[in-house]
PDB file of N, CA and C in Angstrom:
ATOM      1  N   MET A   1     114.189 113.996 108.271  1.00  0.00           N
ATOM      2  CA  MET A   1     113.992 113.853 107.128  1.00  0.00           C
ATOM      3  C   MET A   1     115.146 112.973 106.594  1.00  0.00           C
ATOM      4  N   LEU A   2     116.438 113.240 106.843  1.00  0.00           N
ATOM      5  CA  LEU A   2     117.441 112.514 106.611  1.00  0.00           C
ATOM      6  C   LEU A   2     117.418 110.850 107.083  1.00  0.00           C
ATOM      7  N   ARG A   3     117.240 111.138 108.435  1.00  0.00           N
ATOM      8  CA  ARG A   3     116.904 109.499 108.812  1.00  0.00           C
ATOM      9  C   ARG A   3     116.151 108.523 107.773  1.00  0.00           C
ATOM     10  N   ARG A   4     115.064 109.102 107.673  1.00  0.00           N
ATOM     11  CA  ARG A   4     114.049 108.610 107.034  1.00  0.00           C
ATOM     12  C   ARG A   4     114.537 108.074 105.536  1.00  0.00           C
ATOM     13  N   THR A   5     115.378 109.073 104.887  1.00  0.00           N
ATOM     14  CA  THR A   5     116.259 108.782 103.541  1.00  0.00           C
ATOM     15  C   THR A   5     117.289 107.993 103.558  1.00  0.00           C
ATOM     16  N   LEU A   6     118.256 108.075 104.787  1.00  0.00           N
ATOM     17  CA  LEU A   6     119.502 107.455 104.509  1.00  0.00           C
ATOM     18  C   LEU A   6     119.639 106.195 105.848  1.00  0.00           C
ATOM     19  N   GLY A   7     118.271 106.237 106.483  1.00  0.00           N
ATOM     20  CA  GLY A   7     118.594 105.509 107.605  1.00  0.00           C
ATOM     21  C   GLY A   7     118.875 103.898 107.351  1.00  0.00           C
ATOM     22  N   HIS A   8     118.623 103.671 106.012  1.00  0.00           N
ATOM     23  CA  HIS A   8     119.026 102.013 105.834  1.00  0.00           C
ATOM     24  C   HIS A   8     120.283 101.964 105.260  1.00  0.00           C
ATOM     25  N   SER A   9     120.927 103.040 105.204  1.00  0.00           N
ATOM     26  CA  SER A   9     122.404 103.160 104.649  1.00  0.00           C
ATOM     27  C   SER A   9     123.424 103.131 105.667  1.00  0.00           C
ATOM     28  N   ILE A  10     122.846 104.330 106.701  1.00  0.00           N
ATOM     29  CA  ILE A  10     123.763 104.731 107.772  1.00  0.00           C
ATOM     30  C   ILE A  10     123.189 104.334 108.854  1.00  0.00           C
ATOM     31  N   GLN A  11     124.106 103.614 109.921  1.00  0.00           N
ATOM     32  CA  GLN A  11     123.620 103.139 111.208  1.00  0.00           C
ATOM     33  C   GLN A  11     124.470 103.771 112.176  1.00  0.00           C
ATOM     34  N   ILE A  12     123.712 105.160 112.748  1.00  0.00           N
ATOM     35  CA  ILE A  12     124.110 105.671 113.658  1.00  0.00           C
ATOM     36  C   ILE A  12     123.216 106.046 114.823  1.00  0.00           C
ATOM     37  N   THR A  13     123.538 106.582 115.969  1.00  0.00           N
ATOM     38  CA  THR A  13     122.420 106.640 117.055  1.00  0.00           C
ATOM     39  C   THR A  13     121.561 107.884 116.759  1.00  0.00           C
ATOM     40  N   ALA A  14     120.360 107.884 117.569  1.00  0.00           N
ATOM     41  CA  ALA A  14     119.536 108.804 117.326  1.00  0.00           C
ATOM     42  C   ALA A  14     120.019 110.531 117.557  1.00  0.00           C
ATOM     43  N   ARG A  15     121.115 110.380 118.340  1.00  0.00           N
ATOM     44  CA  ARG A  15     121.883 111.650 118.820  1.00  0.00           C
ATOM     45  C   ARG A  15     122.768 112.115 117.451  1.00  0.00           C
ATOM     46  N   ARG A  16     123.247 111.587 117.249  1.00  0.00           N
ATOM     47  CA  ARG A  16     124.109 111.442 115.756  1.00  0.00           C
ATOM     48  C   ARG A  16     123.145 112.099 114.718  1.00  0.00           C
ATOM     49  N   TRP A  17     122.056 111.370 114.812  1.00  0.00           N
ATOM     50  CA  TRP A  17     121.311 111.787 113.325  1.00  0.00           C
ATOM     51  C   TRP A  17     120.758 113.299 113.662  1.00  0.00           C
ATOM     52  N   ARG A  18     120.578 113.706 114.903  1.00  0.00           N
ATOM     53  CA  ARG A  18     119.932 114.879 115.283  1.00  0.00           C
ATOM     54  C   ARG A  18     120.956 116.107 114.760  1.00  0.00           C
ATOM     55  N   VAL A  19     122.375 115.599 115.247  1.00  0.00           N
ATOM     56  CA  VAL A  19     123.538 116.663 114.928  1.00  0.00           C
ATOM     57  C   VAL A  19     123.514 116.388 113.553  1.00  0.00           C
ATOM     58  N   LEU A  20     123.444 115.492 113.048  1.00  0.00           N
ATOM     59  CA  LEU A  20     123.540 115.327 111.192  1.00  0.00           C
ATOM     60  C   LEU A  20     122.801 116.478 110.753  1.00  0.00           C
ATOM     61  N   HIS A  21     121.473 116.149 111.101  1.00  0.00           N
ATOM     62  CA  HIS A  21     120.108 117.216 110.668  1.00  0.00           C
ATOM     63  C   HIS A  21     120.517 118.577 110.939  1.00  0.00           C
ATOM     64  N   LEU A  22     120.846 118.829 112.116  1.00  0.00           N
ATOM     65  CA  LEU A  22     121.088 120.474 112.500  1.00  0.00           C
ATOM     66  C   LEU A  22     122.260 121.142 111.939  1.00  0.00           C
ATOM     67  N   SER A  23     123.329 119.756 111.349  1.00  0.00           N
ATOM     68  CA  SER A  23     124.290 120.422 110.652  1.00  0.00           C
ATOM     69  C   SER A  23     124.057 121.015 109.348  1.00  0.00           C
ATOM     70  N   TRP A  24     123.101 120.188 108.659  1.00  0.00           N
ATOM     71  CA  TRP A  24     122.638 120.441 107.218  1.00  0.00           C
ATOM     72  C   TRP A  24     121.711 121.558 107.124  1.00  0.00           C
ATOM     73  N   ILE A  25     120.689 121.883 108.354  1.00  0.00           N
ATOM     74  CA  ILE A  25     120.128 123.029 108.534  1.00  0.00           C
ATOM     75  C   ILE A  25     120.923 124.314 108.360  1.00  0.00           C
ATOM     76  N   PHE A  26     121.994 124.199 109.316  1.00  0.00           N
ATOM     77  CA  PHE A  26     123.060 125.068 109.779  1.00  0.00           C
ATOM     78  C   PHE A  26     123.921 125.720 108.378  1.00  0.00           C
ATOM     79  N   LEU A  27     124.439 124.680 107.734  1.00  0.00           N
ATOM     80  CA  LEU A  27     124.804 124.776 106.166  1.00  0.00           C
ATOM     81  C   LEU A  27     123.920 125.373 105.276  1.00  0.00           C
ATOM     82  N   LEU A  28     122.516 125.145 105.028  1.00  0.00           N
ATOM     83  CA  LEU A  28     121.784 125.752 104.196  1.00  0.00           C
ATOM     84  C   LEU A  28     121.537 127.148 104.338  1.00  0.00           C
ATOM     85  N   VAL A  29     121.542 127.470 105.568  1.00  0.00           N
ATOM     86  CA  VAL A  29     121.007 128.433 106.535  1.00  0.00           C
ATOM     87  C   VAL A  29     122.385 129.687 105.694  1.00  0.00           C
ATOM     88  N   VAL A  30     123.299 129.180 106.062  1.00  0.00           N
ATOM     89  CA  VAL A  30     124.524 129.767 105.854  1.00  0.00           C
ATOM     90  C   VAL A  30     124.541 130.176 104.011  1.00  0.00           C
ATOM     91  N   TRP A  31     124.404 129.270 103.432  1.00  0.00           N
ATOM     92  CA  TRP A  31     124.381 129.206 102.106  1.00  0.00           C
ATOM     93  C   TRP A  31     123.409 130.263 101.424  1.00  0.00           C
ATOM     94  N   ALA A  32     122.392 130.077 101.963  1.00  0.00           N
ATOM     95  CA  ALA A  32     121.214 131.170 101.749  1.00  0.00           C
ATOM     96  C   ALA A  32     121.466 132.237 102.148  1.00  0.00           C
ATOM     97  N   THR A  33     122.309 132.654 103.266  1.00  0.00           N
ATOM     98  CA  THR A  33     122.601 134.054 103.657  1.00  0.00           C
ATOM     99  C   THR A  33     123.698 134.778 102.808  1.00  0.00           C
ATOM    100  N   ALA A  34     124.863 133.663 102.509  1.00  0.00           N
ATOM    101  CA  ALA A  34     125.878 134.056 101.318  1.00  0.00           C
ATOM    102  C   ALA A  34     125.326 134.503 100.253  1.00  0.00           C
ATOM    103  N   ASN A  35     124.383 133.949  99.732  1.00  0.00           N
ATOM    104  CA  ASN A  35     123.513 134.112  98.235  1.00  0.00           C
ATOM    105  C   ASN A  35     122.873 135.579  98.208  1.00  0.00           C
ATOM    106  N   GLU A  36     122.074 135.790  99.544  1.00  0.00           N
ATOM    107  CA  GLU A  36     121.431 136.918  99.565  1.00  0.00           C
ATOM    108  C   GLU A  36     122.467 138.055  99.622  1.00  0.00           C
ATOM    109  N   VAL A  37     123.563 137.774 100.315  1.00  0.00           N
ATOM    110  CA  VAL A  37     124.726 138.975 100.211  1.00  0.00           C
ATOM    111  C   VAL A  37     125.250 139.158  98.993  1.00  0.00           C
ATOM    112  N   ALA A  38     125.616 138.243  98.458  1.00  0.00           N
ATOM    113  CA  ALA A  38     126.323 138.065  97.166  1.00  0.00           C
ATOM    114  C   ALA A  38     125.105 138.944  96.259  1.00  0.00           C
ATOM    115  N   TRP A  39     123.665 138.431  96.107  1.00  0.00           N
ATOM    116  CA  TRP A  39     122.850 139.028  95.170  1.00  0.00           C
ATOM    117  C   TRP A  39     122.696 140.699  95.352  1.00  0.00           C
ATOM    118  N   TRP A  40     122.727 141.002  96.822  1.00  0.00           N
ATOM    119  CA  TRP A  40     122.461 142.279  97.051  1.00  0.00           C
ATOM    120  C   TRP A  40     123.981 143.309  96.560  1.00  0.00           C
ATOM    121  N   ASN A  41     124.837 142.690  96.763  1.00  0.00           N
ATOM    122  CA  ASN A  41     126.337 143.327  96.588  1.00  0.00           C
ATOM    123  C   ASN A  41     126.965 143.337  95.140  1.00  0.00           C
ATOM    124  N   MET A  42     126.448 142.366  94.138  1.00  0.00           N
ATOM    125  CA  MET A  42     127.045 142.043  93.099  1.00  0.00           C
ATOM    126  C   MET A  42     125.951 142.727  91.918  1.00  0.00           C
ATOM    127  N   SER A  43     126.313 142.609  90.619  1.00  0.00           N
ATOM    128  CA  SER A  43     125.773 142.912  89.487  1.00  0.00           C
ATOM    129  C   SER A  43     124.897 141.697  89.125  1.00  0.00           C
ATOM    130  N   ASP A  44     123.949 141.736  88.558  1.00  0.00           N
ATOM    131  CA  ASP A  44     123.235 140.681  88.183  1.00  0.00           C
ATOM    132  C   ASP A  44     124.022 139.561  87.653  1.00  0.00           C
ATOM    133  N   GLY A  45     124.608 139.909  86.397  1.00  0.00           N
ATOM    134  CA  GLY A  45     125.640 138.912  85.651  1.00  0.00           C
ATOM    135  C   GLY A  45     126.688 138.274  86.626  1.00  0.00           C
ATOM    136  N   THR A  46     127.417 139.155  87.642  1.00  0.00           N
ATOM    137  CA  THR A  46     128.325 138.436  88.363  1.00  0.00           C
ATOM    138  C   THR A  46     127.686 137.703  89.411  1.00  0.00           C
ATOM    139  N   TRP A  47     126.726 137.985  89.842  1.00  0.00           N
ATOM    140  CA  TRP A  47     125.962 136.901  90.704  1.00  0.00           C
ATOM    141  C   TRP A  47     125.513 135.567  90.112  1.00  0.00           C
ATOM    142  N   ALA A  48     124.967 135.914  88.834  1.00  0.00           N
ATOM    143  CA  ALA A  48     124.471 134.731  88.202  1.00  0.00           C
ATOM    144  C   ALA A  48     125.600 133.732  87.880  1.00  0.00           C
ATOM    145  N   VAL A  49     126.840 134.293  87.813  1.00  0.00           N
ATOM    146  CA  VAL A  49     128.065 133.390  87.420  1.00  0.00           C
ATOM    147  C   VAL A  49     128.300 132.692  88.699  1.00  0.00           C
ATOM    148  N   CYS A  50     128.473 133.422  89.792  1.00  0.00           N
ATOM    149  CA  CYS A  50     128.770 132.705  91.041  1.00  0.00           C
ATOM    150  C   CYS A  50     127.649 132.095  91.478  1.00  0.00           C
ATOM    151  N   ASN A  51     126.428 132.177  91.197  1.00  0.00           N
ATOM    152  CA  ASN A  51     125.574 131.176  91.577  1.00  0.00           C
ATOM    153  C   ASN A  51     125.747 129.914  90.851  1.00  0.00           C
ATOM    154  N   GLY A  52     125.827 130.023  89.862  1.00  0.00           N
ATOM    155  CA  GLY A  52     126.147 128.997  88.576  1.00  0.00           C
ATOM    156  C   GLY A  52     127.216 127.927  89.034  1.00  0.00           C
ATOM    157  N   VAL A  53     128.373 128.725  89.410  1.00  0.00           N
ATOM    158  CA  VAL A  53     129.602 127.928  89.940  1.00  0.00           C
ATOM    159  C   VAL A  53     129.397 127.208  91.219  1.00  0.00           C
ATOM    160  N   ALA A  54     128.552 127.871  92.036  1.00  0.00           N
ATOM    161  CA  ALA A  54     128.623 127.317  93.399  1.00  0.00           C
ATOM    162  C   ALA A  54     127.419 125.825  93.206  1.00  0.00           C
ATOM    163  N   GLU A  55     126.487 126.186  92.494  1.00  0.00           N
ATOM    164  CA  GLU A  55     125.736 124.912  92.113  1.00  0.00           C
ATOM    165  C   GLU A  55     126.341 123.813  91.494  1.00  0.00           C
ATOM    166  N   ILE A  56     127.287 124.040  90.595  1.00  0.00           N
ATOM    167  CA  ILE A  56     128.216 123.010  90.012  1.00  0.00           C
ATOM    168  C   ILE A  56     128.836 122.240  91.112  1.00  0.00           C
ATOM    169  N   ALA A  57     129.864 123.210  92.026  1.00  0.00           N
ATOM    170  CA  ALA A  57     130.520 122.697  93.018  1.00  0.00           C
ATOM    171  C   ALA A  57     129.932 121.966  93.827  1.00  0.00           C
TER     172      ALA A  57
END
């Protein structure tokens, strides 16, 4: 998916595309896990503020 979107802008090997793609998957899984942990361990108001700040950053 990244290669189709950014392939015309970034010229890298197929192996590097795979590493980039897997890095994005890893990042999103970690982010989703952190969000779930925060959601279960914080009050709704605190979680909403943290979630809003994370989306801005």
